[in-house]
């Protein structure tokens, strides 16, 4: 038997085993997929082959490459060693999927490297567990035996193998090239990651995946660690104490929006729009919108990176760990995206980003959140508007968005992420010299982005859907601070937040517009304004249309939790350190009273426990 045929046969058999284990996974967890049709389930299994091939390539490409390189003096020994390695490595990889047949029921997600961190706690119970789940243990033994058989069976035994005298170059190159393509999962801009499986139907994401792939694509370093200072029931009770109890539908003067458009501005720190008294601003149009609409003057982003904004805005999930959610070990955790809820209620859902498709996994994240359509630079019709670096300039792309929305069926929820105010801050040549250069490199591009926003809003006003559409304007995060008084915990997260409908303010309580609010509040607010309720959700955000009683908003920086309260700031670190800090505009020696500080600390600790333990145990939704 030729080596090429043998490699292909082994791959086919391995793919067959992964498919059988996927079917078994479905049968043992079928209650999780009751909302999906048979066609969707079959397509999910077919889509899963991409992830199986990626896992197989990652594991076997070195083994197959060594098979094809002859070692004349030790050829027989090489074949025996590689055969053993092939059996043991692939046996272990497939065993992970067997373990997940049962373990998935406890975690609600496929195995990742952090699962081994949890497994250390039950290491001394391994034998008892193997005996208790004896049928899985037998299945693993049978699996190893089968792999050994296909590796050393008589027709391909070492004694019968043809001794190759030279490298099969064509086959070797083919193995390496196809292996590299398989590892990427295709020719798309970014390699496959586990979150990619949740794009078409989030319910079926775990069925598409295999546990080998999720292990290989995760880190052995936990992004967060479990906290033990507060029992889980106390955590839930503390958080629930501050949440609105009256969830009756909003009544007059509230008007239910028909459509929603969320504009996320790249790197628009609040000070660029609302500078200190007597200082120049760089976004006059956005400032004029704030004067006409509902402006929250103490709004904070829940992260410092572009990739952090969408989970916060559309799933109420702040970024309180180092890796972004979409690339973390918890990327397949259960989350509920607002677009997902809107779509189930008859809305079209679409996300626009002029950037190169695949940039920062935006396409994956939007699908994960429930947006059905993603429009990036690849879908934009005219390459002359390309900025040469990141994607399409803001002005033409936003005009394209208006035209595209006009073709869509109402109701819809749409969002756009701008890009021209991103380094290297390129603006179209015809606009050079039109906007103030300011003192920071970003200022001129902020002026251009603001101008593009003005043109976008004016074009939207001419469309029939405008008067029934709620517009939300915010920024993903801040950038450099021009003024020293803003270069602090608050200033580094302070972003604009404006809600406006039919060019008018909404009837928010004036007090609410002057207390600390956050990106994570938008999900609850949009659902509330639309009169949509869901039985379960995460509990970081609050509807801004309801009375807010929480002590403040928590920002995460330097591995510490920093609460921006109504009167004082309070910091807490997991090692027990605490600190108070003055808010912007307060004297540096400002001190809160002890009762307020204690309340703040209790609220911080409860939320930190909720986030960390909820991430590790996949229990953020309740």
Foldseek 3Di string as FASTA:
>chain_A
DDLLVLVVVLLVVLLVLQLVLLVLLCVLVVVLVPVDDPVVLVVLSVLLSLQSLLLCLVQCLVLSLQLQAADPVCRLVSLVVSLVSQLVSSLVLSLLSLVCSPVCVQQVAADALVVVVVCVVCVVCVVVVCVVVVVSVVVSVVSSVVSSCSSDPPVPHSVPDDRDPHGPVVSSVVSVVVSVCSNQSHDDPGRDALLLQCQQPVSCSRSSHGNSSLHVLADNDAQFDFDDPDDLVLLVVLLVVFADPDLPADDPPFDFFFAEEEEAEAAFFPCLQVNPPPDDHQQPLVVVLVVFAQWQQQEFELDQDLLQQQCQQFFLDGDFTDDHCCSHSLVSFDTAGLLQLVVVVPAQFEEEEQFDPCVSPPSSVCSSRNHNYYHYQVNDDDCVQAQVPTGGALQVRLVVVLVVVLPDDIDYYYYYYHDCLDPVNGDDPVCPPVGDCPDDNSSRSSNVNSVSVVNSLVSNLVGPSQQSYKYWYKYNFHDDDPDPLLPDPSNRTHMIITIDHNSHYGPFDPVLSHAYAYSSQNNQQSCSSNVHDDPKGFRQYHHSNDDGDQQAHWHHDPQWTWGDGPAWIKIAHSVGDIDIAGDRPDDRPDDDDPVSRVSVVSNRVSVSNLNRVCSSSSNRMD
